[in-house]
Amino acid sequence: MLLSDLQRKDIVNVIDGRNVGNIIDVKVDDATGMIVSLVIEPNKSFFSFLNRGDDTEVPWKSITKIGEDVILVKLG
């Protein structure tokens, strides 16, 4: 799977059902080459220019399922 494939998927938190945002990057462990986390840009809204949210890191271990259209994550 390519990063571009992951970037097209919605990221949904299974705890509250909300759409978390969009993948803009991944962090990779230099020693192992394994993905450590996904870097998520918060959803944009009409009023987002008033309160710019910081990017969020979703640890790889928090991903519960990667589906055809959605990545389910467990963020508490």
N, C-alpha and C. Protein backbone atom coordinates (compact mmCIF):
# COMPACT_ATOMS: atom_id res chain seq x y z
N MET A 1 0.85 -1.17 0.00
CA MET A 1 0.00 0.00 0.00
C MET A 1 0.90 1.24 0.00
N LEU A 2 0.52 2.22 -0.76
CA LEU A 2 1.26 3.46 -0.86
C LEU A 2 0.72 4.51 0.10
N LEU A 3 1.55 5.48 0.46
CA LEU A 3 1.10 6.58 1.31
C LEU A 3 -0.08 7.30 0.65
N SER A 4 -0.03 7.46 -0.65
CA SER A 4 -1.12 8.14 -1.36
C SER A 4 -2.44 7.37 -1.22
N ASP A 5 -2.37 6.04 -1.11
CA ASP A 5 -3.58 5.24 -0.88
C ASP A 5 -4.16 5.53 0.50
N LEU A 6 -3.28 5.63 1.50
CA LEU A 6 -3.74 5.94 2.86
C LEU A 6 -4.33 7.34 2.94
N GLN A 7 -3.75 8.29 2.22
CA GLN A 7 -4.20 9.68 2.28
C GLN A 7 -5.60 9.87 1.73
N ARG A 8 -6.08 8.96 0.93
CA ARG A 8 -7.43 9.07 0.36
C ARG A 8 -8.52 8.55 1.31
N LYS A 9 -8.11 7.92 2.39
CA LYS A 9 -9.07 7.31 3.30
C LYS A 9 -9.47 8.28 4.42
N ASP A 10 -10.73 8.19 4.86
CA ASP A 10 -11.18 8.95 6.01
C ASP A 10 -10.63 8.30 7.27
N ILE A 11 -10.28 9.12 8.26
CA ILE A 11 -9.80 8.63 9.54
C ILE A 11 -10.92 8.83 10.54
N VAL A 12 -11.45 7.74 11.11
CA VAL A 12 -12.60 7.81 12.02
C VAL A 12 -12.22 7.22 13.37
N ASN A 13 -12.54 7.97 14.43
CA ASN A 13 -12.30 7.51 15.80
C ASN A 13 -13.44 6.59 16.21
N VAL A 14 -13.13 5.35 16.59
CA VAL A 14 -14.18 4.40 16.96
C VAL A 14 -14.79 4.72 18.32
N ILE A 15 -14.13 5.56 19.12
CA ILE A 15 -14.67 5.93 20.44
C ILE A 15 -15.89 6.83 20.29
N ASP A 16 -15.81 7.85 19.45
CA ASP A 16 -16.92 8.80 19.33
C ASP A 16 -17.48 8.94 17.92
N GLY A 17 -16.90 8.23 16.94
CA GLY A 17 -17.43 8.24 15.58
C GLY A 17 -17.07 9.48 14.77
N ARG A 18 -16.24 10.35 15.31
CA ARG A 18 -15.94 11.58 14.57
C ARG A 18 -14.82 11.36 13.56
N ASN A 19 -14.87 12.15 12.51
CA ASN A 19 -13.82 12.14 11.50
C ASN A 19 -12.66 12.95 12.05
N VAL A 20 -11.50 12.33 12.17
CA VAL A 20 -10.36 12.95 12.83
C VAL A 20 -9.65 13.96 11.92
N GLY A 21 -9.54 13.67 10.66
CA GLY A 21 -8.84 14.56 9.73
C GLY A 21 -8.23 13.77 8.59
N ASN A 22 -7.21 14.35 7.98
CA ASN A 22 -6.57 13.74 6.81
C ASN A 22 -5.11 13.46 7.09
N ILE A 23 -4.62 12.34 6.56
CA ILE A 23 -3.21 11.99 6.70
C ILE A 23 -2.40 12.93 5.81
N ILE A 24 -1.41 13.58 6.43
CA ILE A 24 -0.52 14.43 5.63
C ILE A 24 0.90 13.88 5.60
N ASP A 25 1.21 12.95 6.52
CA ASP A 25 2.56 12.41 6.56
C ASP A 25 2.57 11.17 7.44
N VAL A 26 3.69 10.47 7.45
CA VAL A 26 3.89 9.35 8.37
C VAL A 26 5.25 9.52 9.03
N LYS A 27 5.39 9.01 10.25
CA LYS A 27 6.69 8.98 10.91
C LYS A 27 7.19 7.55 10.86
N VAL A 28 8.44 7.40 10.46
CA VAL A 28 9.05 6.08 10.29
C VAL A 28 10.25 5.96 11.23
N ASP A 29 10.37 4.81 11.88
CA ASP A 29 11.51 4.52 12.74
C ASP A 29 12.74 4.34 11.86
N ASP A 30 13.77 5.14 12.10
CA ASP A 30 14.99 5.09 11.28
C ASP A 30 15.67 3.72 11.33
N ALA A 31 15.64 3.09 12.49
CA ALA A 31 16.36 1.83 12.66
C ALA A 31 15.65 0.65 12.01
N THR A 32 14.32 0.61 12.13
CA THR A 32 13.58 -0.56 11.65
C THR A 32 12.87 -0.34 10.32
N GLY A 33 12.61 0.92 9.98
CA GLY A 33 11.86 1.21 8.76
C GLY A 33 10.36 1.02 8.93
N MET A 34 9.92 0.76 10.17
CA MET A 34 8.49 0.55 10.45
C MET A 34 7.79 1.90 10.69
N ILE A 35 6.52 1.96 10.30
CA ILE A 35 5.73 3.17 10.56
C ILE A 35 5.45 3.26 12.05
N VAL A 36 5.74 4.42 12.63
CA VAL A 36 5.53 4.67 14.05
C VAL A 36 4.18 5.34 14.28
N SER A 37 3.85 6.32 13.43
CA SER A 37 2.59 7.04 13.58
C SER A 37 2.18 7.71 12.28
N LEU A 38 0.90 8.06 12.22
CA LEU A 38 0.35 8.84 11.12
C LEU A 38 0.25 10.28 11.59
N VAL A 39 0.61 11.23 10.75
CA VAL A 39 0.46 12.64 11.08
C VAL A 39 -0.81 13.11 10.41
N ILE A 40 -1.75 13.61 11.24
CA ILE A 40 -3.08 13.97 10.78
C ILE A 40 -3.27 15.47 10.84
N GLU A 41 -3.77 16.03 9.75
CA GLU A 41 -4.16 17.44 9.72
C GLU A 41 -5.62 17.50 10.15
N PRO A 42 -5.96 18.34 11.13
CA PRO A 42 -7.36 18.42 11.57
C PRO A 42 -8.28 18.82 10.43
N ASN A 43 -9.55 18.43 10.56
CA ASN A 43 -10.54 18.81 9.56
C ASN A 43 -10.64 20.32 9.46
N LYS A 44 -10.84 20.79 8.27
CA LYS A 44 -11.01 22.22 8.04
C LYS A 44 -12.50 22.56 8.09
N SER A 45 -12.80 23.67 8.71
CA SER A 45 -14.17 24.15 8.72
C SER A 45 -14.16 25.61 8.29
N PHE A 46 -15.32 26.17 8.14
CA PHE A 46 -15.44 27.56 7.71
C PHE A 46 -14.71 28.49 8.67
N PHE A 47 -14.77 28.18 9.97
CA PHE A 47 -14.18 29.06 10.97
C PHE A 47 -12.78 28.62 11.39
N SER A 48 -12.16 27.72 10.65
CA SER A 48 -10.84 27.20 11.04
C SER A 48 -9.76 28.28 11.04
N PHE A 49 -9.98 29.36 10.28
CA PHE A 49 -8.97 30.42 10.26
C PHE A 49 -8.90 31.13 11.61
N LEU A 50 -9.94 31.04 12.43
CA LEU A 50 -9.93 31.67 13.74
C LEU A 50 -9.12 30.86 14.76
N ASN A 51 -9.13 29.55 14.60
CA ASN A 51 -8.48 28.68 15.57
C ASN A 51 -7.74 27.58 14.81
N ARG A 52 -6.50 27.85 14.45
CA ARG A 52 -5.75 26.87 13.68
C ARG A 52 -5.32 25.75 14.61
N GLY A 53 -5.81 24.55 14.35
CA GLY A 53 -5.43 23.41 15.16
C GLY A 53 -4.08 22.87 14.74
N ASP A 54 -3.38 22.29 15.68
CA ASP A 54 -2.09 21.68 15.38
C ASP A 54 -2.32 20.29 14.78
N ASP A 55 -1.32 19.85 14.04
CA ASP A 55 -1.38 18.49 13.51
C ASP A 55 -1.35 17.50 14.66
N THR A 56 -1.98 16.34 14.46
CA THR A 56 -2.08 15.31 15.48
C THR A 56 -1.32 14.07 15.02
N GLU A 57 -0.66 13.42 15.94
CA GLU A 57 -0.02 12.15 15.62
C GLU A 57 -0.88 11.01 16.15
N VAL A 58 -1.18 10.07 15.28
CA VAL A 58 -1.92 8.87 15.68
C VAL A 58 -0.93 7.71 15.70
N PRO A 59 -0.63 7.18 16.89
CA PRO A 59 0.31 6.05 16.95
C PRO A 59 -0.20 4.87 16.12
N TRP A 60 0.72 4.18 15.47
CA TRP A 60 0.35 3.03 14.63
C TRP A 60 -0.44 2.00 15.42
N LYS A 61 -0.09 1.82 16.71
CA LYS A 61 -0.78 0.84 17.55
C LYS A 61 -2.24 1.23 17.84
N SER A 62 -2.63 2.49 17.57
CA SER A 62 -4.00 2.93 17.79
C SER A 62 -4.92 2.63 16.61
N ILE A 63 -4.35 2.17 15.51
CA ILE A 63 -5.16 1.82 14.34
C ILE A 63 -5.80 0.46 14.59
N THR A 64 -7.13 0.40 14.49
CA THR A 64 -7.82 -0.87 14.72
C THR A 64 -8.14 -1.59 13.42
N LYS A 65 -8.33 -0.82 12.32
CA LYS A 65 -8.67 -1.46 11.05
C LYS A 65 -8.40 -0.49 9.91
N ILE A 66 -7.81 -0.99 8.85
CA ILE A 66 -7.67 -0.22 7.61
C ILE A 66 -8.58 -0.86 6.59
N GLY A 67 -9.65 -0.15 6.25
CA GLY A 67 -10.62 -0.66 5.30
C GLY A 67 -10.41 -0.08 3.92
N GLU A 68 -11.35 -0.36 3.04
CA GLU A 68 -11.26 0.11 1.67
C GLU A 68 -11.36 1.64 1.59
N ASP A 69 -12.23 2.23 2.42
CA ASP A 69 -12.47 3.68 2.38
C ASP A 69 -12.12 4.40 3.67
N VAL A 70 -11.93 3.65 4.75
CA VAL A 70 -11.81 4.26 6.08
C VAL A 70 -10.68 3.59 6.86
N ILE A 71 -10.02 4.40 7.69
CA ILE A 71 -9.09 3.89 8.69
C ILE A 71 -9.71 4.15 10.05
N LEU A 72 -9.94 3.06 10.80
CA LEU A 72 -10.53 3.20 12.13
C LEU A 72 -9.42 3.27 13.16
N VAL A 73 -9.50 4.27 14.03
CA VAL A 73 -8.50 4.46 15.07
C VAL A 73 -9.21 4.54 16.43
N LYS A 74 -8.49 4.17 17.47
CA LYS A 74 -9.04 4.25 18.82
C LYS A 74 -8.25 5.30 19.58
N LEU A 75 -8.85 6.51 19.66
CA LEU A 75 -8.23 7.63 20.35
C LEU A 75 -9.11 8.01 21.53
N GLY A 76 -8.59 7.86 22.72
CA GLY A 76 -9.38 8.12 23.92
C GLY A 76 -9.07 9.43 24.47
